[in-house]
Amino acid sequence: SETLRLVEKLGFSKITLDDIARCLGKKKSFLNYYFPDKEALLAAA
């Protein structure tokens, strides 16, 4: 949900895993537990 919110606001190329993690109050490693990279995360979203 947070990924889609940021994509709609900024576009996919302008956001990073760090941005998404920061908005969730987490670290990048937290996202990597669920998704190996940004492309996999967007594909799932």
PDB file of all heavy atoms in Angstrom:
ATOM      1  N   SER A   1       0.833  -1.207   0.000  1.00  0.00           N
ATOM      2  CA  SER A   1       0.000   0.000   0.000  1.00  0.00           C
ATOM      3  C   SER A   1       0.863   1.252   0.000  1.00  0.00           C
ATOM      4  O   SER A   1       0.591   2.216  -0.727  1.00  0.00           O
ATOM      5  CB  SER A   1      -0.929   0.000   1.213  1.00  0.00           C
ATOM      6  OG  SER A   1      -1.859  -1.051   1.135  1.00  0.00           O
ATOM      7  N   GLU A   2       1.905   1.246   0.806  1.00  0.00           N
ATOM      8  CA  GLU A   2       2.793   2.412   0.873  1.00  0.00           C
ATOM      9  C   GLU A   2       3.554   2.585  -0.433  1.00  0.00           C
ATOM     10  O   GLU A   2       3.756   3.712  -0.905  1.00  0.00           O
ATOM     11  CB  GLU A   2       3.774   2.263   2.035  1.00  0.00           C
ATOM     12  CG  GLU A   2       4.602   3.501   2.316  1.00  0.00           C
ATOM     13  CD  GLU A   2       3.742   4.711   2.660  1.00  0.00           C
ATOM     14  OE1 GLU A   2       2.652   4.538   3.256  1.00  0.00           O
ATOM     15  OE2 GLU A   2       4.160   5.854   2.341  1.00  0.00           O
ATOM     16  N   THR A   3       3.947   1.484  -1.038  1.00  0.00           N
ATOM     17  CA  THR A   3       4.640   1.546  -2.328  1.00  0.00           C
ATOM     18  C   THR A   3       3.753   2.192  -3.380  1.00  0.00           C
ATOM     19  O   THR A   3       4.181   3.094  -4.112  1.00  0.00           O
ATOM     20  CB  THR A   3       5.039   0.132  -2.788  1.00  0.00           C
ATOM     21  OG1 THR A   3       5.930  -0.447  -1.824  1.00  0.00           O
ATOM     22  CG2 THR A   3       5.717   0.175  -4.146  1.00  0.00           C
ATOM     23  N   LEU A   4       2.511   1.755  -3.471  1.00  0.00           N
ATOM     24  CA  LEU A   4       1.585   2.319  -4.457  1.00  0.00           C
ATOM     25  C   LEU A   4       1.315   3.791  -4.197  1.00  0.00           C
ATOM     26  O   LEU A   4       1.191   4.589  -5.126  1.00  0.00           O
ATOM     27  CB  LEU A   4       0.280   1.526  -4.465  1.00  0.00           C
ATOM     28  CG  LEU A   4       0.377   0.118  -5.065  1.00  0.00           C
ATOM     29  CD1 LEU A   4      -0.913  -0.655  -4.802  1.00  0.00           C
ATOM     30  CD2 LEU A   4       0.660   0.190  -6.558  1.00  0.00           C
ATOM     31  N   ARG A   5       1.219   4.167  -2.932  1.00  0.00           N
ATOM     32  CA  ARG A   5       0.982   5.572  -2.591  1.00  0.00           C
ATOM     33  C   ARG A   5       2.132   6.440  -3.105  1.00  0.00           C
ATOM     34  O   ARG A   5       1.915   7.504  -3.696  1.00  0.00           O
ATOM     35  CB  ARG A   5       0.836   5.729  -1.081  1.00  0.00           C
ATOM     36  CG  ARG A   5       0.425   7.143  -0.646  1.00  0.00           C
ATOM     37  CD  ARG A   5       0.437   7.282   0.860  1.00  0.00           C
ATOM     38  NE  ARG A   5       1.796   7.306   1.384  1.00  0.00           N
ATOM     39  CZ  ARG A   5       2.592   8.390   1.384  1.00  0.00           C
ATOM     40  NH1 ARG A   5       2.157   9.531   0.855  1.00  0.00           N
ATOM     41  NH2 ARG A   5       3.799   8.332   1.881  1.00  0.00           N
ATOM     42  N   LEU A   6       3.356   5.974  -2.905  1.00  0.00           N
ATOM     43  CA  LEU A   6       4.515   6.741  -3.339  1.00  0.00           C
ATOM     44  C   LEU A   6       4.644   6.742  -4.860  1.00  0.00           C
ATOM     45  O   LEU A   6       5.047   7.743  -5.457  1.00  0.00           O
ATOM     46  CB  LEU A   6       5.785   6.170  -2.703  1.00  0.00           C
ATOM     47  CG  LEU A   6       5.923   6.409  -1.198  1.00  0.00           C
ATOM     48  CD1 LEU A   6       7.158   5.692  -0.655  1.00  0.00           C
ATOM     49  CD2 LEU A   6       6.004   7.906  -0.889  1.00  0.00           C
ATOM     50  N   VAL A   7       4.299   5.611  -5.496  1.00  0.00           N
ATOM     51  CA  VAL A   7       4.358   5.551  -6.957  1.00  0.00           C
ATOM     52  C   VAL A   7       3.375   6.549  -7.566  1.00  0.00           C
ATOM     53  O   VAL A   7       3.696   7.259  -8.518  1.00  0.00           O
ATOM     54  CB  VAL A   7       4.046   4.127  -7.459  1.00  0.00           C
ATOM     55  CG1 VAL A   7       3.822   4.134  -8.971  1.00  0.00           C
ATOM     56  CG2 VAL A   7       5.189   3.179  -7.118  1.00  0.00           C
ATOM     57  N   GLU A   8       2.162   6.603  -7.019  1.00  0.00           N
ATOM     58  CA  GLU A   8       1.160   7.534  -7.540  1.00  0.00           C
ATOM     59  C   GLU A   8       1.584   8.979  -7.340  1.00  0.00           C
ATOM     60  O   GLU A   8       1.272   9.848  -8.149  1.00  0.00           O
ATOM     61  CB  GLU A   8      -0.181   7.286  -6.854  1.00  0.00           C
ATOM     62  CG  GLU A   8      -0.842   5.980  -7.272  1.00  0.00           C
ATOM     63  CD  GLU A   8      -2.244   5.848  -6.726  1.00  0.00           C
ATOM     64  OE1 GLU A   8      -2.715   6.808  -6.084  1.00  0.00           O
ATOM     65  OE2 GLU A   8      -2.861   4.794  -6.932  1.00  0.00           O
ATOM     66  N   LYS A   9       2.335   9.236  -6.280  1.00  0.00           N
ATOM     67  CA  LYS A   9       2.736  10.607  -5.954  1.00  0.00           C
ATOM     68  C   LYS A   9       3.993  11.028  -6.710  1.00  0.00           C
ATOM     69  O   LYS A   9       4.076  12.157  -7.229  1.00  0.00           O
ATOM     70  CB  LYS A   9       2.976  10.730  -4.448  1.00  0.00           C
ATOM     71  CG  LYS A   9       3.352  12.118  -3.997  1.00  0.00           C
ATOM     72  CD  LYS A   9       3.532  12.163  -2.486  1.00  0.00           C
ATOM     73  CE  LYS A   9       3.907  13.568  -2.014  1.00  0.00           C
ATOM     74  NZ  LYS A   9       4.104  13.613  -0.541  1.00  0.00           N
ATOM     75  N   LEU A  10       4.993  10.136  -6.792  1.00  0.00           N
ATOM     76  CA  LEU A  10       6.298  10.518  -7.316  1.00  0.00           C
ATOM     77  C   LEU A  10       6.723   9.780  -8.577  1.00  0.00           C
ATOM     78  O   LEU A  10       7.578  10.264  -9.315  1.00  0.00           O
ATOM     79  CB  LEU A  10       7.370  10.291  -6.230  1.00  0.00           C
ATOM     80  CG  LEU A  10       7.151  11.002  -4.899  1.00  0.00           C
ATOM     81  CD1 LEU A  10       8.183  10.519  -3.889  1.00  0.00           C
ATOM     82  CD2 LEU A  10       7.239  12.510  -5.083  1.00  0.00           C
ATOM     83  N   GLY A  11       6.167   8.607  -8.816  1.00  0.00           N
ATOM     84  CA  GLY A  11       6.657   7.776  -9.905  1.00  0.00           C
ATOM     85  C   GLY A  11       7.646   6.760  -9.372  1.00  0.00           C
ATOM     86  O   GLY A  11       8.338   7.005  -8.377  1.00  0.00           O
ATOM     87  N   PHE A  12       7.728   5.617 -10.021  1.00  0.00           N
ATOM     88  CA  PHE A  12       8.540   4.518  -9.503  1.00  0.00           C
ATOM     89  C   PHE A  12      10.030   4.831  -9.521  1.00  0.00           C
ATOM     90  O   PHE A  12      10.758   4.498  -8.592  1.00  0.00           O
ATOM     91  CB  PHE A  12       8.260   3.256 -10.321  1.00  0.00           C
ATOM     92  CG  PHE A  12       8.997   2.050  -9.819  1.00  0.00           C
ATOM     93  CD1 PHE A  12       8.781   1.563  -8.545  1.00  0.00           C
ATOM     94  CD2 PHE A  12       9.904   1.401 -10.634  1.00  0.00           C
ATOM     95  CE1 PHE A  12       9.448   0.450  -8.080  1.00  0.00           C
ATOM     96  CE2 PHE A  12      10.582   0.281 -10.183  1.00  0.00           C
ATOM     97  CZ  PHE A  12      10.349  -0.196  -8.907  1.00  0.00           C
ATOM     98  N   SER A  13      10.516   5.467 -10.595  1.00  0.00           N
ATOM     99  CA  SER A  13      11.951   5.700 -10.729  1.00  0.00           C
ATOM    100  C   SER A  13      12.493   6.666  -9.682  1.00  0.00           C
ATOM    101  O   SER A  13      13.694   6.666  -9.403  1.00  0.00           O
ATOM    102  CB  SER A  13      12.275   6.231 -12.133  1.00  0.00           C
ATOM    103  OG  SER A  13      11.638   7.485 -12.345  1.00  0.00           O
ATOM    104  N   LYS A  14      11.622   7.478  -9.091  1.00  0.00           N
ATOM    105  CA  LYS A  14      12.078   8.489  -8.137  1.00  0.00           C
ATOM    106  C   LYS A  14      12.047   8.032  -6.680  1.00  0.00           C
ATOM    107  O   LYS A  14      12.455   8.775  -5.795  1.00  0.00           O
ATOM    108  CB  LYS A  14      11.231   9.756  -8.287  1.00  0.00           C
ATOM    109  CG  LYS A  14      11.412  10.435  -9.628  1.00  0.00           C
ATOM    110  CD  LYS A  14      10.593  11.716  -9.715  1.00  0.00           C
ATOM    111  CE  LYS A  14      10.776  12.391 -11.065  1.00  0.00           C
ATOM    112  NZ  LYS A  14       9.968  13.626 -11.183  1.00  0.00           N
ATOM    113  N   ILE A  15      11.554   6.822  -6.449  1.00  0.00           N
ATOM    114  CA  ILE A  15      11.522   6.345  -5.073  1.00  0.00           C
ATOM    115  C   ILE A  15      12.514   5.200  -4.900  1.00  0.00           C
ATOM    116  O   ILE A  15      12.879   4.520  -5.847  1.00  0.00           O
ATOM    117  CB  ILE A  15      10.114   5.872  -4.655  1.00  0.00           C
ATOM    118  CG1 ILE A  15       9.654   4.690  -5.526  1.00  0.00           C
ATOM    119  CG2 ILE A  15       9.125   7.009  -4.733  1.00  0.00           C
ATOM    120  CD1 ILE A  15       8.332   4.105  -5.080  1.00  0.00           C
ATOM    121  N   THR A  16      12.975   5.021  -3.669  1.00  0.00           N
ATOM    122  CA  THR A  16      13.917   3.946  -3.346  1.00  0.00           C
ATOM    123  C   THR A  16      13.328   3.080  -2.244  1.00  0.00           C
ATOM    124  O   THR A  16      12.335   3.452  -1.600  1.00  0.00           O
ATOM    125  CB  THR A  16      15.250   4.526  -2.857  1.00  0.00           C
ATOM    126  OG1 THR A  16      15.026   5.215  -1.608  1.00  0.00           O
ATOM    127  CG2 THR A  16      15.835   5.502  -3.884  1.00  0.00           C
ATOM    128  N   LEU A  17      13.943   1.940  -2.022  1.00  0.00           N
ATOM    129  CA  LEU A  17      13.507   1.091  -0.917  1.00  0.00           C
ATOM    130  C   LEU A  17      13.669   1.819   0.411  1.00  0.00           C
ATOM    131  O   LEU A  17      12.879   1.643   1.336  1.00  0.00           O
ATOM    132  CB  LEU A  17      14.308  -0.213  -0.910  1.00  0.00           C
ATOM    133  CG  LEU A  17      13.997  -1.215  -2.023  1.00  0.00           C
ATOM    134  CD1 LEU A  17      14.879  -2.446  -1.880  1.00  0.00           C
ATOM    135  CD2 LEU A  17      12.526  -1.622  -2.004  1.00  0.00           C
ATOM    136  N   ASP A  18      14.702   2.652   0.497  1.00  0.00           N
ATOM    137  CA  ASP A  18      14.902   3.443   1.715  1.00  0.00           C
ATOM    138  C   ASP A  18      13.734   4.392   1.942  1.00  0.00           C
ATOM    139  O   ASP A  18      13.290   4.587   3.084  1.00  0.00           O
ATOM    140  CB  ASP A  18      16.212   4.248   1.622  1.00  0.00           C
ATOM    141  CG  ASP A  18      17.440   3.370   1.785  1.00  0.00           C
ATOM    142  OD1 ASP A  18      17.413   2.476   2.646  1.00  0.00           O
ATOM    143  OD2 ASP A  18      18.416   3.585   1.048  1.00  0.00           O
ATOM    144  N   ASP A  19      13.224   5.006   0.859  1.00  0.00           N
ATOM    145  CA  ASP A  19      12.081   5.916   0.983  1.00  0.00           C
ATOM    146  C   ASP A  19      10.865   5.176   1.523  1.00  0.00           C
ATOM    147  O   ASP A  19      10.168   5.661   2.417  1.00  0.00           O
ATOM    148  CB  ASP A  19      11.724   6.518  -0.383  1.00  0.00           C
ATOM    149  CG  ASP A  19      12.799   7.431  -0.924  1.00  0.00           C
ATOM    150  OD1 ASP A  19      13.492   8.068  -0.104  1.00  0.00           O
ATOM    151  OD2 ASP A  19      12.938   7.505  -2.160  1.00  0.00           O
ATOM    152  N   ILE A  20      10.605   4.009   0.949  1.00  0.00           N
ATOM    153  CA  ILE A  20       9.443   3.225   1.370  1.00  0.00           C
ATOM    154  C   ILE A  20       9.589   2.782   2.818  1.00  0.00           C
ATOM    155  O   ILE A  20       8.656   2.894   3.618  1.00  0.00           O
ATOM    156  CB  ILE A  20       9.263   2.001   0.450  1.00  0.00           C
ATOM    157  CG1 ILE A  20       9.037   2.463  -0.993  1.00  0.00           C
ATOM    158  CG2 ILE A  20       8.090   1.140   0.923  1.00  0.00           C
ATOM    159  CD1 ILE A  20       9.113   1.341  -2.011  1.00  0.00           C
ATOM    160  N   ALA A  21      10.777   2.304   3.156  1.00  0.00           N
ATOM    161  CA  ALA A  21      11.022   1.848   4.529  1.00  0.00           C
ATOM    162  C   ALA A  21      10.866   2.998   5.509  1.00  0.00           C
ATOM    163  O   ALA A  21      10.279   2.851   6.585  1.00  0.00           O
ATOM    164  CB  ALA A  21      12.420   1.248   4.629  1.00  0.00           C
ATOM    165  N   ARG A  22      11.372   4.181   5.129  1.00  0.00           N
ATOM    166  CA  ARG A  22      11.293   5.345   6.007  1.00  0.00           C
ATOM    167  C   ARG A  22       9.835   5.727   6.281  1.00  0.00           C
ATOM    168  O   ARG A  22       9.471   6.049   7.414  1.00  0.00           O
ATOM    169  CB  ARG A  22      12.026   6.524   5.366  1.00  0.00           C
ATOM    170  CG  ARG A  22      12.240   7.706   6.304  1.00  0.00           C
ATOM    171  CD  ARG A  22      13.021   8.806   5.612  1.00  0.00           C
ATOM    172  NE  ARG A  22      14.283   8.323   5.079  1.00  0.00           N
ATOM    173  CZ  ARG A  22      14.562   8.219   3.772  1.00  0.00           C
ATOM    174  NH1 ARG A  22      13.645   8.591   2.873  1.00  0.00           N
ATOM    175  NH2 ARG A  22      15.728   7.768   3.365  1.00  0.00           N
ATOM    176  N   CYS A  23       8.999   5.674   5.251  1.00  0.00           N
ATOM    177  CA  CYS A  23       7.593   6.009   5.424  1.00  0.00           C
ATOM    178  C   CYS A  23       6.885   5.004   6.334  1.00  0.00           C
ATOM    179  O   CYS A  23       5.882   5.340   6.979  1.00  0.00           O
ATOM    180  CB  CYS A  23       6.889   6.051   4.073  1.00  0.00           C
ATOM    181  SG  CYS A  23       7.354   7.462   3.050  1.00  0.00           S
ATOM    182  N   LEU A  24       7.410   3.804   6.376  1.00  0.00           N
ATOM    183  CA  LEU A  24       6.828   2.765   7.232  1.00  0.00           C
ATOM    184  C   LEU A  24       7.469   2.737   8.612  1.00  0.00           C
ATOM    185  O   LEU A  24       7.071   1.946   9.470  1.00  0.00           O
ATOM    186  CB  LEU A  24       7.000   1.387   6.574  1.00  0.00           C
ATOM    187  CG  LEU A  24       6.192   1.142   5.300  1.00  0.00           C
ATOM    188  CD1 LEU A  24       6.704  -0.111   4.593  1.00  0.00           C
ATOM    189  CD2 LEU A  24       4.706   1.005   5.623  1.00  0.00           C
ATOM    190  N   GLY A  25       8.472   3.609   8.819  1.00  0.00           N
ATOM    191  CA  GLY A  25       9.164   3.625  10.098  1.00  0.00           C
ATOM    192  C   GLY A  25      10.074   2.427  10.273  1.00  0.00           C
ATOM    193  O   GLY A  25      10.341   1.990  11.402  1.00  0.00           O
ATOM    194  N   LYS A  26      10.577   1.899   9.134  1.00  0.00           N
ATOM    195  CA  LYS A  26      11.427   0.708   9.178  1.00  0.00           C
ATOM    196  C   LYS A  26      12.748   0.979   8.458  1.00  0.00           C
ATOM    197  O   LYS A  26      12.973   2.056   7.922  1.00  0.00           O
ATOM    198  CB  LYS A  26      10.718  -0.472   8.498  1.00  0.00           C
ATOM    199  CG  LYS A  26       9.359  -0.815   9.082  1.00  0.00           C
ATOM    200  CD  LYS A  26       9.476  -1.434  10.466  1.00  0.00           C
ATOM    201  CE  LYS A  26       8.110  -1.875  10.983  1.00  0.00           C
ATOM    202  NZ  LYS A  26       8.207  -2.509  12.327  1.00  0.00           N
ATOM    203  N   LYS A  27      13.614  -0.066   8.456  1.00  0.00           N
ATOM    204  CA  LYS A  27      14.865   0.010   7.725  1.00  0.00           C
ATOM    205  C   LYS A  27      14.752  -0.779   6.418  1.00  0.00           C
ATOM    206  O   LYS A  27      13.876  -1.620   6.266  1.00  0.00           O
ATOM    207  CB  LYS A  27      16.012  -0.554   8.573  1.00  0.00           C
ATOM    208  CG  LYS A  27      16.308   0.277   9.815  1.00  0.00           C
ATOM    209  CD  LYS A  27      17.495  -0.292  10.565  1.00  0.00           C
ATOM    210  CE  LYS A  27      17.809   0.563  11.787  1.00  0.00           C
ATOM    211  NZ  LYS A  27      18.971   0.027  12.544  1.00  0.00           N
ATOM    212  N   LYS A  28      15.666  -0.511   5.486  1.00  0.00           N
ATOM    213  CA  LYS A  28      15.638  -1.173   4.192  1.00  0.00           C
ATOM    214  C   LYS A  28      15.694  -2.687   4.334  1.00  0.00           C
ATOM    215  O   LYS A  28      15.045  -3.425   3.575  1.00  0.00           O
ATOM    216  CB  LYS A  28      16.805  -0.675   3.338  1.00  0.00           C
ATOM    217  CG  LYS A  28      16.871  -1.308   1.966  1.00  0.00           C
ATOM    218  CD  LYS A  28      18.063  -0.762   1.181  1.00  0.00           C
ATOM    219  CE  LYS A  28      18.200  -1.468  -0.162  1.00  0.00           C
ATOM    220  NZ  LYS A  28      19.373  -0.939  -0.912  1.00  0.00           N
ATOM    221  N   SER A  29      16.455  -3.179   5.300  1.00  0.00           N
ATOM    222  CA  SER A  29      16.583  -4.626   5.498  1.00  0.00           C
ATOM    223  C   SER A  29      15.232  -5.261   5.811  1.00  0.00           C
ATOM    224  O   SER A  29      15.002  -6.439   5.499  1.00  0.00           O
ATOM    225  CB  SER A  29      17.570  -4.921   6.627  1.00  0.00           C
ATOM    226  OG  SER A  29      17.165  -4.277   7.834  1.00  0.00           O
ATOM    227  N   PHE A  30      14.336  -4.483   6.406  1.00  0.00           N
ATOM    228  CA  PHE A  30      12.985  -4.976   6.703  1.00  0.00           C
ATOM    229  C   PHE A  30      12.252  -5.295   5.405  1.00  0.00           C
ATOM    230  O   PHE A  30      11.601  -6.337   5.280  1.00  0.00           O
ATOM    231  CB  PHE A  30      12.223  -3.908   7.495  1.00  0.00           C
ATOM    232  CG  PHE A  30      10.759  -4.182   7.662  1.00  0.00           C
ATOM    233  CD1 PHE A  30      10.299  -5.071   8.618  1.00  0.00           C
ATOM    234  CD2 PHE A  30       9.824  -3.536   6.863  1.00  0.00           C
ATOM    235  CE1 PHE A  30       8.950  -5.326   8.775  1.00  0.00           C
ATOM    236  CE2 PHE A  30       8.465  -3.785   7.008  1.00  0.00           C
ATOM    237  CZ  PHE A  30       8.036  -4.684   7.970  1.00  0.00           C
ATOM    238  N   LEU A  31      12.370  -4.416   4.405  1.00  0.00           N
ATOM    239  CA  LEU A  31      11.726  -4.657   3.116  1.00  0.00           C
ATOM    240  C   LEU A  31      12.361  -5.839   2.392  1.00  0.00           C
ATOM    241  O   LEU A  31      11.668  -6.623   1.745  1.00  0.00           O
ATOM    242  CB  LEU A  31      11.806  -3.408   2.240  1.00  0.00           C
ATOM    243  CG  LEU A  31      11.087  -2.152   2.725  1.00  0.00           C
ATOM    244  CD1 LEU A  31      11.213  -1.060   1.680  1.00  0.00           C
ATOM    245  CD2 LEU A  31       9.637  -2.429   3.025  1.00  0.00           C
ATOM    246  N   ASN A  32      13.691  -5.948   2.498  1.00  0.00           N
ATOM    247  CA  ASN A  32      14.387  -7.020   1.796  1.00  0.00           C
ATOM    248  C   ASN A  32      14.007  -8.401   2.314  1.00  0.00           C
ATOM    249  O   ASN A  32      14.183  -9.397   1.606  1.00  0.00           O
ATOM    250  CB  ASN A  32      15.899  -6.838   1.921  1.00  0.00           C
ATOM    251  CG  ASN A  32      16.416  -5.683   1.081  1.00  0.00           C
ATOM    252  OD1 ASN A  32      17.274  -4.916   1.510  1.00  0.00           O
ATOM    253  ND2 ASN A  32      15.893  -5.534  -0.130  1.00  0.00           N
ATOM    254  N   TYR A  33      13.477  -8.470   3.508  1.00  0.00           N
ATOM    255  CA  TYR A  33      13.015  -9.751   4.036  1.00  0.00           C
ATOM    256  C   TYR A  33      11.828 -10.254   3.216  1.00  0.00           C
ATOM    257  O   TYR A  33      11.666 -11.464   3.016  1.00  0.00           O
ATOM    258  CB  TYR A  33      12.604  -9.596   5.498  1.00  0.00           C
ATOM    259  CG  TYR A  33      11.946 -10.834   6.076  1.00  0.00           C
ATOM    260  CD1 TYR A  33      12.710 -11.920   6.496  1.00  0.00           C
ATOM    261  CD2 TYR A  33      10.563 -10.916   6.197  1.00  0.00           C
ATOM    262  CE1 TYR A  33      12.107 -13.068   7.011  1.00  0.00           C
ATOM    263  CE2 TYR A  33       9.944 -12.054   6.709  1.00  0.00           C
ATOM    264  CZ  TYR A  33      10.722 -13.122   7.118  1.00  0.00           C
ATOM    265  OH  TYR A  33      10.114 -14.237   7.616  1.00  0.00           O
ATOM    266  N   TYR A  34      11.008  -9.312   2.718  1.00  0.00           N
ATOM    267  CA  TYR A  34       9.807  -9.667   1.965  1.00  0.00           C
ATOM    268  C   TYR A  34      10.014  -9.604   0.460  1.00  0.00           C
ATOM    269  O   TYR A  34       9.382 -10.362  -0.289  1.00  0.00           O
ATOM    270  CB  TYR A  34       8.657  -8.735   2.356  1.00  0.00           C
ATOM    271  CG  TYR A  34       8.235  -8.875   3.791  1.00  0.00           C
ATOM    272  CD1 TYR A  34       8.765  -8.050   4.780  1.00  0.00           C
ATOM    273  CD2 TYR A  34       7.311  -9.843   4.174  1.00  0.00           C
ATOM    274  CE1 TYR A  34       8.384  -8.189   6.103  1.00  0.00           C
ATOM    275  CE2 TYR A  34       6.922  -9.995   5.488  1.00  0.00           C
ATOM    276  CZ  TYR A  34       7.465  -9.160   6.464  1.00  0.00           C
ATOM    277  OH  TYR A  34       7.098  -9.312   7.771  1.00  0.00           O
ATOM    278  N   PHE A  35      10.868  -8.674   0.006  1.00  0.00           N
ATOM    279  CA  PHE A  35      11.079  -8.481  -1.430  1.00  0.00           C
ATOM    280  C   PHE A  35      12.573  -8.311  -1.702  1.00  0.00           C
ATOM    281  O   PHE A  35      13.210  -7.475  -1.056  1.00  0.00           O
ATOM    282  CB  PHE A  35      10.316  -7.251  -1.919  1.00  0.00           C
ATOM    283  CG  PHE A  35       8.838  -7.292  -1.604  1.00  0.00           C
ATOM    284  CD1 PHE A  35       8.338  -6.629  -0.489  1.00  0.00           C
ATOM    285  CD2 PHE A  35       7.964  -8.010  -2.403  1.00  0.00           C
ATOM    286  CE1 PHE A  35       6.985  -6.681  -0.177  1.00  0.00           C
ATOM    287  CE2 PHE A  35       6.606  -8.064  -2.104  1.00  0.00           C
ATOM    288  CZ  PHE A  35       6.117  -7.398  -0.988  1.00  0.00           C
ATOM    289  N   PRO A  36      13.126  -9.051  -2.678  1.00  0.00           N
ATOM    290  CA  PRO A  36      14.569  -8.984  -2.926  1.00  0.00           C
ATOM    291  C   PRO A  36      15.057  -7.662  -3.503  1.00  0.00           C
ATOM    292  O   PRO A  36      16.192  -7.259  -3.279  1.00  0.00           O
ATOM    293  CB  PRO A  36      14.801 -10.135  -3.921  1.00  0.00           C
ATOM    294  CG  PRO A  36      13.476 -10.318  -4.593  1.00  0.00           C
ATOM    295  CD  PRO A  36      12.449 -10.037  -3.532  1.00  0.00           C
ATOM    296  N   ASP A  37      14.185  -6.971  -4.260  1.00  0.00           N
ATOM    297  CA  ASP A  37      14.594  -5.705  -4.860  1.00  0.00           C
ATOM    298  C   ASP A  37      13.359  -4.851  -5.160  1.00  0.00           C
ATOM    299  O   ASP A  37      12.226  -5.286  -4.950  1.00  0.00           O
ATOM    300  CB  ASP A  37      15.407  -5.926  -6.145  1.00  0.00           C
ATOM    301  CG  ASP A  37      14.702  -6.866  -7.119  1.00  0.00           C
ATOM    302  OD1 ASP A  37      13.463  -6.728  -7.296  1.00  0.00           O
ATOM    303  OD2 ASP A  37      15.367  -7.733  -7.700  1.00  0.00           O
ATOM    304  N   LYS A  38      13.600  -3.657  -5.668  1.00  0.00           N
ATOM    305  CA  LYS A  38      12.513  -2.711  -5.920  1.00  0.00           C
ATOM    306  C   LYS A  38      11.573  -3.195  -7.014  1.00  0.00           C
ATOM    307  O   LYS A  38      10.357  -3.008  -6.925  1.00  0.00           O
ATOM    308  CB  LYS A  38      13.098  -1.342  -6.287  1.00  0.00           C
ATOM    309  CG  LYS A  38      12.071  -0.224  -6.264  1.00  0.00           C
ATOM    310  CD  LYS A  38      12.726   1.141  -6.420  1.00  0.00           C
ATOM    311  CE  LYS A  38      13.130   1.413  -7.830  1.00  0.00           C
ATOM    312  NZ  LYS A  38      13.437   2.855  -8.072  1.00  0.00           N
ATOM    313  N   GLU A  39      12.123  -3.823  -8.039  1.00  0.00           N
ATOM    314  CA  GLU A  39      11.283  -4.311  -9.133  1.00  0.00           C
ATOM    315  C   GLU A  39      10.315  -5.387  -8.648  1.00  0.00           C
ATOM    316  O   GLU A  39       9.147  -5.412  -9.032  1.00  0.00           O
ATOM    317  CB  GLU A  39      12.149  -4.845 -10.280  1.00  0.00           C
ATOM    318  CG  GLU A  39      12.773  -3.780 -11.155  1.00  0.00           C
ATOM    319  CD  GLU A  39      13.900  -3.032 -10.452  1.00  0.00           C
ATOM    320  OE1 GLU A  39      14.459  -3.586  -9.472  1.00  0.00           O
ATOM    321  OE2 GLU A  39      14.219  -1.903 -10.870  1.00  0.00           O
ATOM    322  N   ALA A  40      10.812  -6.286  -7.797  1.00  0.00           N
ATOM    323  CA  ALA A  40       9.951  -7.352  -7.260  1.00  0.00           C
ATOM    324  C   ALA A  40       8.852  -6.759  -6.394  1.00  0.00           C
ATOM    325  O   ALA A  40       7.705  -7.225  -6.411  1.00  0.00           O
ATOM    326  CB  ALA A  40      10.777  -8.339  -6.447  1.00  0.00           C
ATOM    327  N   LEU A  41       9.199  -5.697  -5.660  1.00  0.00           N
ATOM    328  CA  LEU A  41       8.218  -5.037  -4.804  1.00  0.00           C
ATOM    329  C   LEU A  41       7.124  -4.380  -5.651  1.00  0.00           C
ATOM    330  O   LEU A  41       5.927  -4.533  -5.378  1.00  0.00           O
ATOM    331  CB  LEU A  41       8.917  -3.984  -3.939  1.00  0.00           C
ATOM    332  CG  LEU A  41       8.034  -3.062  -3.101  1.00  0.00           C
ATOM    333  CD1 LEU A  41       7.056  -3.857  -2.237  1.00  0.00           C
ATOM    334  CD2 LEU A  41       8.890  -2.141  -2.240  1.00  0.00           C
ATOM    335  N   LEU A  42       7.514  -3.674  -6.702  1.00  0.00           N
ATOM    336  CA  LEU A  42       6.510  -3.020  -7.543  1.00  0.00           C
ATOM    337  C   LEU A  42       5.652  -4.053  -8.275  1.00  0.00           C
ATOM    338  O   LEU A  42       4.437  -3.883  -8.404  1.00  0.00           O
ATOM    339  CB  LEU A  42       7.168  -2.095  -8.550  1.00  0.00           C
ATOM    340  CG  LEU A  42       6.161  -1.335  -9.419  1.00  0.00           C
ATOM    341  CD1 LEU A  42       5.322  -0.380  -8.591  1.00  0.00           C
ATOM    342  CD2 LEU A  42       6.843  -0.583 -10.544  1.00  0.00           C
ATOM    343  N   ALA A  43       6.282  -5.128  -8.743  1.00  0.00           N
ATOM    344  CA  ALA A  43       5.524  -6.165  -9.434  1.00  0.00           C
ATOM    345  C   ALA A  43       4.447  -6.733  -8.519  1.00  0.00           C
ATOM    346  O   ALA A  43       3.311  -6.966  -8.940  1.00  0.00           O
ATOM    347  CB  ALA A  43       6.466  -7.271  -9.908  1.00  0.00           C
ATOM    348  N   ALA A  44       4.793  -6.946  -7.252  1.00  0.00           N
ATOM    349  CA  ALA A  44       3.813  -7.468  -6.287  1.00  0.00           C
ATOM    350  C   ALA A  44       2.725  -6.438  -6.009  1.00  0.00           C
ATOM    351  O   ALA A  44       1.543  -6.780  -5.891  1.00  0.00           O
ATOM    352  CB  ALA A  44       4.515  -7.862  -4.992  1.00  0.00           C
ATOM    353  N   ALA A  45       3.115  -5.158  -5.922  1.00  0.00           N
ATOM    354  CA  ALA A  45       2.146  -4.103  -5.639  1.00  0.00           C
ATOM    355  C   ALA A  45       1.147  -3.952  -6.785  1.00  0.00           C
ATOM    356  O   ALA A  45      -0.063  -3.872  -6.575  1.00  0.00           O
ATOM    357  CB  ALA A  45       2.874  -2.776  -5.393  1.00  0.00           C
TER     358      ALA A  45
END
